[in-house]
C-alpha atoms as a PDB file:
ATOM      1  CA  MET A   1       8.891 -16.761  -7.536  1.00  0.00           C
ATOM      2  CA  LEU A   2       6.908 -14.798  -9.829  1.00  0.00           C
ATOM      3  CA  VAL A   3       3.835 -16.514  -8.930  1.00  0.00           C
ATOM      4  CA  TYR A   4       4.163 -15.661  -5.227  1.00  0.00           C
ATOM      5  CA  ALA A   5       5.103 -12.115  -6.070  1.00  0.00           C
ATOM      6  CA  ILE A   6       1.755 -11.856  -7.977  1.00  0.00           C
ATOM      7  CA  ILE A   7      -0.118 -13.353  -5.320  1.00  0.00           C
ATOM      8  CA  PHE A   8       1.321 -11.002  -2.478  1.00  0.00           C
ATOM      9  CA  ILE A   9       1.076  -7.783  -4.408  1.00  0.00           C
ATOM     10  CA  ASN A  10      -2.569  -8.596  -5.479  1.00  0.00           C
ATOM     11  CA  LEU A  11      -3.171  -9.499  -1.745  1.00  0.00           C
ATOM     12  CA  ALA A  12      -1.708  -5.899  -0.849  1.00  0.00           C
ATOM     13  CA  LEU A  13      -4.194  -4.412  -3.297  1.00  0.00           C
ATOM     14  CA  LEU A  14      -7.049  -6.333  -1.753  1.00  0.00           C
ATOM     15  CA  PHE A  15      -6.208  -5.243   1.869  1.00  0.00           C
ATOM     16  CA  TYR A  16      -5.567  -1.717   0.892  1.00  0.00           C
ATOM     17  CA  THR A  17      -8.488  -1.222  -1.185  1.00  0.00           C
ATOM     18  CA  VAL A  18     -10.812  -2.908   1.573  1.00  0.00           C
ATOM     19  CA  GLY A  19      -9.147  -0.777   4.311  1.00  0.00           C
ATOM     20  CA  VAL A  20      -9.274   2.604   2.430  1.00  0.00           C
ATOM     21  CA  TRP A  21     -12.766   2.214   0.843  1.00  0.00           C
ATOM     22  CA  SER A  22     -14.133   0.785   4.005  1.00  0.00           C
ATOM     23  CA  GLU A  23     -12.766   3.775   6.279  1.00  0.00           C
ATOM     24  CA  LYS A  24     -14.043   6.267   3.540  1.00  0.00           C
ATOM     25  CA  ILE A  25     -17.338   4.811   3.726  1.00  0.00           C
ATOM     26  CA  GLN A  26     -17.334   4.613   7.349  1.00  0.00           C
ATOM     27  CA  LYS A  27     -16.003   8.325   7.490  1.00  0.00           C
ATOM     28  CA  SER A  28     -13.957   7.352  10.613  1.00  0.00           C
ATOM     29  CA  LEU A  29     -10.515   5.434  11.334  1.00  0.00           C
ATOM     30  CA  LYS A  30     -11.042   2.283  13.250  1.00  0.00           C
ATOM     31  CA  GLY A  31      -8.793  -0.136  14.754  1.00  0.00           C
ATOM     32  CA  TRP A  32      -9.606  -2.751  12.418  1.00  0.00           C
ATOM     33  CA  HIS A  33      -8.671  -0.513   9.623  1.00  0.00           C
ATOM     34  CA  ILE A  34      -5.010  -0.129  10.915  1.00  0.00           C
ATOM     35  CA  VAL A  35      -4.825  -3.896  11.003  1.00  0.00           C
ATOM     36  CA  ILE A  36      -5.693  -4.019   7.458  1.00  0.00           C
ATOM     37  CA  PHE A  37      -3.470  -1.466   6.507  1.00  0.00           C
ATOM     38  CA  TRP A  38      -0.529  -3.247   8.299  1.00  0.00           C
ATOM     39  CA  ILE A  39      -1.495  -6.660   6.670  1.00  0.00           C
ATOM     40  CA  GLY A  40      -1.312  -4.728   3.315  1.00  0.00           C
ATOM     41  CA  LEU A  41       1.812  -3.163   3.899  1.00  0.00           C
ATOM     42  CA  VAL A  42       3.339  -6.600   4.836  1.00  0.00           C
ATOM     43  CA  PHE A  43       1.981  -8.230   1.612  1.00  0.00           C
ATOM     44  CA  ASP A  44       3.294  -5.235  -0.565  1.00  0.00           C
ATOM     45  CA  THR A  45       6.684  -5.687   1.147  1.00  0.00           C
ATOM     46  CA  LEU A  46       6.673  -9.291   0.362  1.00  0.00           C
ATOM     47  CA  GLY A  47       5.559  -8.983  -3.323  1.00  0.00           C
ATOM     48  CA  THR A  48       7.954  -6.253  -3.930  1.00  0.00           C
ATOM     49  CA  THR A  49      10.858  -8.336  -2.374  1.00  0.00           C
ATOM     50  CA  PHE A  50       9.870 -11.404  -4.495  1.00  0.00           C
ATOM     51  CA  MET A  51       9.641  -9.009  -7.642  1.00  0.00           C
ATOM     52  CA  ALA A  52      12.963  -7.395  -6.796  1.00  0.00           C
ATOM     53  CA  GLY A  53      14.602 -10.928  -6.614  1.00  0.00           C
ATOM     54  CA  ILE A  54      13.369 -11.493 -10.081  1.00  0.00           C
ATOM     55  CA  ALA A  55      14.335  -8.284 -11.642  1.00  0.00           C
ATOM     56  CA  LYS A  56      18.002  -8.585 -13.153  1.00  0.00           C
ATOM     57  CA  GLY A  57      20.109  -6.777 -10.775  1.00  0.00           C
ATOM     58  CA  GLY A  58      17.497  -6.191  -7.999  1.00  0.00           C
ATOM     59  CA  PHE A  59      16.042  -2.816  -7.477  1.00  0.00           C
ATOM     60  CA  GLN A  60      15.637  -0.631 -10.881  1.00  0.00           C
ATOM     61  CA  LEU A  61      16.213   2.985 -10.768  1.00  0.00           C
ATOM     62  CA  ASP A  62      13.484   3.392 -13.285  1.00  0.00           C
ATOM     63  CA  PHE A  63       9.888   4.873 -13.340  1.00  0.00           C
ATOM     64  CA  HIS A  64       8.257   1.731 -11.657  1.00  0.00           C
ATOM     65  CA  GLY A  65      11.293   1.212  -9.166  1.00  0.00           C
ATOM     66  CA  ILE A  66      11.008   4.727  -7.901  1.00  0.00           C
ATOM     67  CA  THR A  67       7.268   5.180  -7.635  1.00  0.00           C
ATOM     68  CA  GLY A  68       7.170   1.441  -5.823  1.00  0.00           C
ATOM     69  CA  PHE A  69       9.905   2.622  -3.464  1.00  0.00           C
ATOM     70  CA  LEU A  70       7.782   5.974  -2.760  1.00  0.00           C
ATOM     71  CA  ALA A  71       4.510   3.864  -2.547  1.00  0.00           C
ATOM     72  CA  ILE A  72       5.864   1.575   0.163  1.00  0.00           C
ATOM     73  CA  ALA A  73       7.522   4.521   2.106  1.00  0.00           C
ATOM     74  CA  LEU A  74       4.005   6.061   1.966  1.00  0.00           C
ATOM     75  CA  MET A  75       2.123   3.389   3.090  1.00  0.00           C
ATOM     76  CA  LEU A  76       4.630   2.832   5.986  1.00  0.00           C
ATOM     77  CA  ILE A  77       4.252   6.581   6.984  1.00  0.00           C
ATOM     78  CA  HIS A  78       0.397   6.281   6.430  1.00  0.00           C
ATOM     79  CA  VAL A  79       0.026   3.198   8.733  1.00  0.00           C
ATOM     80  CA  ILE A  80       2.449   4.453  11.507  1.00  0.00           C
ATOM     81  CA  TRP A  81       0.278   7.899  11.392  1.00  0.00           C
ATOM     82  CA  ALA A  82      -2.933   5.811  11.362  1.00  0.00           C
ATOM     83  CA  THR A  83      -1.587   3.950  14.535  1.00  0.00           C
ATOM     84  CA  TRP A  84      -0.733   7.206  16.216  1.00  0.00           C
ATOM     85  CA  VAL A  85      -3.749   8.928  15.531  1.00  0.00           C
ATOM     86  CA  MET A  86      -5.860   5.820  17.128  1.00  0.00           C
ATOM     87  CA  ILE A  87      -3.406   5.693  20.218  1.00  0.00           C
ATOM     88  CA  SER A  88      -3.750   9.302  20.711  1.00  0.00           C
ATOM     89  CA  LYS A  89      -7.637   9.034  20.494  1.00  0.00           C
ATOM     90  CA  ASN A  90      -7.834  12.141  18.465  1.00  0.00           C
ATOM     91  CA  LYS A  91     -11.202  12.033  17.344  1.00  0.00           C
ATOM     92  CA  ASP A  92     -10.879  14.899  14.971  1.00  0.00           C
ATOM     93  CA  MET A  93      -8.138  13.160  13.144  1.00  0.00           C
ATOM     94  CA  GLN A  94     -10.013   9.887  13.051  1.00  0.00           C
ATOM     95  CA  LEU A  95     -12.880  11.732  11.299  1.00  0.00           C
ATOM     96  CA  LYS A  96     -10.547  13.421   8.717  1.00  0.00           C
ATOM     97  CA  PHE A  97      -7.932  10.513   8.162  1.00  0.00           C
ATOM     98  CA  HIS A  98      -9.858   8.882   5.213  1.00  0.00           C
ATOM     99  CA  LYS A  99      -8.942  11.815   3.067  1.00  0.00           C
ATOM    100  CA  LEU A 100      -5.420  11.103   3.515  1.00  0.00           C
ATOM    101  CA  SER A 101      -5.840   7.425   2.990  1.00  0.00           C
ATOM    102  CA  PHE A 102      -7.567   7.787  -0.387  1.00  0.00           C
ATOM    103  CA  ILE A 103      -4.700   9.951  -1.647  1.00  0.00           C
ATOM    104  CA  VAL A 104      -2.040   7.504  -0.504  1.00  0.00           C
ATOM    105  CA  TRP A 105      -4.141   4.604  -1.933  1.00  0.00           C
ATOM    106  CA  ILE A 106      -4.255   6.356  -5.432  1.00  0.00           C
ATOM    107  CA  LEU A 107      -0.415   7.058  -5.405  1.00  0.00           C
ATOM    108  CA  TRP A 108      -0.058   3.476  -4.518  1.00  0.00           C
ATOM    109  CA  LEU A 109      -1.857   2.326  -7.609  1.00  0.00           C
ATOM    110  CA  VAL A 110       0.670   4.047  -9.842  1.00  0.00           C
ATOM    111  CA  PRO A 111       3.275   1.554  -9.154  1.00  0.00           C
ATOM    112  CA  PHE A 112       0.707  -1.398  -9.399  1.00  0.00           C
ATOM    113  CA  ALA A 113      -0.439  -0.439 -12.578  1.00  0.00           C
ATOM    114  CA  SER A 114       2.753   0.384 -14.225  1.00  0.00           C
ATOM    115  CA  GLY A 115       4.130  -2.830 -13.053  1.00  0.00           C
ATOM    116  CA  ALA A 116       1.370  -4.787 -14.429  1.00  0.00           C
ATOM    117  CA  ILE A 117       1.750  -2.702 -17.836  1.00  0.00           C
ATOM    118  CA  PHE A 118       5.471  -2.996 -18.132  1.00  0.00           C
ATOM    119  CA  SER A 119       5.226  -6.804 -17.378  1.00  0.00           C
ATOM    120  CA  MET A 120       2.643  -7.232 -20.243  1.00  0.00           C
ATOM    121  CA  THR A 121       4.901  -5.230 -22.600  1.00  0.00           C
ATOM    122  CA  LYS A 122       7.732  -7.347 -22.334  1.00  0.00           C
END
């Protein structure tokens, strides 16, 4: 299960990074960014589910557990909002959305990094 968890979490990192940075470089939210964000969320959820299955007692109420939960919640809000922005055809929001995406991505990196660091210290 650990191998799957690592693969899924790293795929989430790959998809989030490609989505956020391409959106930032292009300076506008596009439909394919949303697809990439949804795929990233799926991989993040799969990886987190596998990691929770490995952890003794499942979800842990510690720094990594709390920030990980908040990161998935933020990514869910982010991708739903991105989808709404595209459906509503709000051009102004499409041009400004990359600023939010970058902030959410930075916050998502906290549990990603803490998980790697905490696992290496054990």
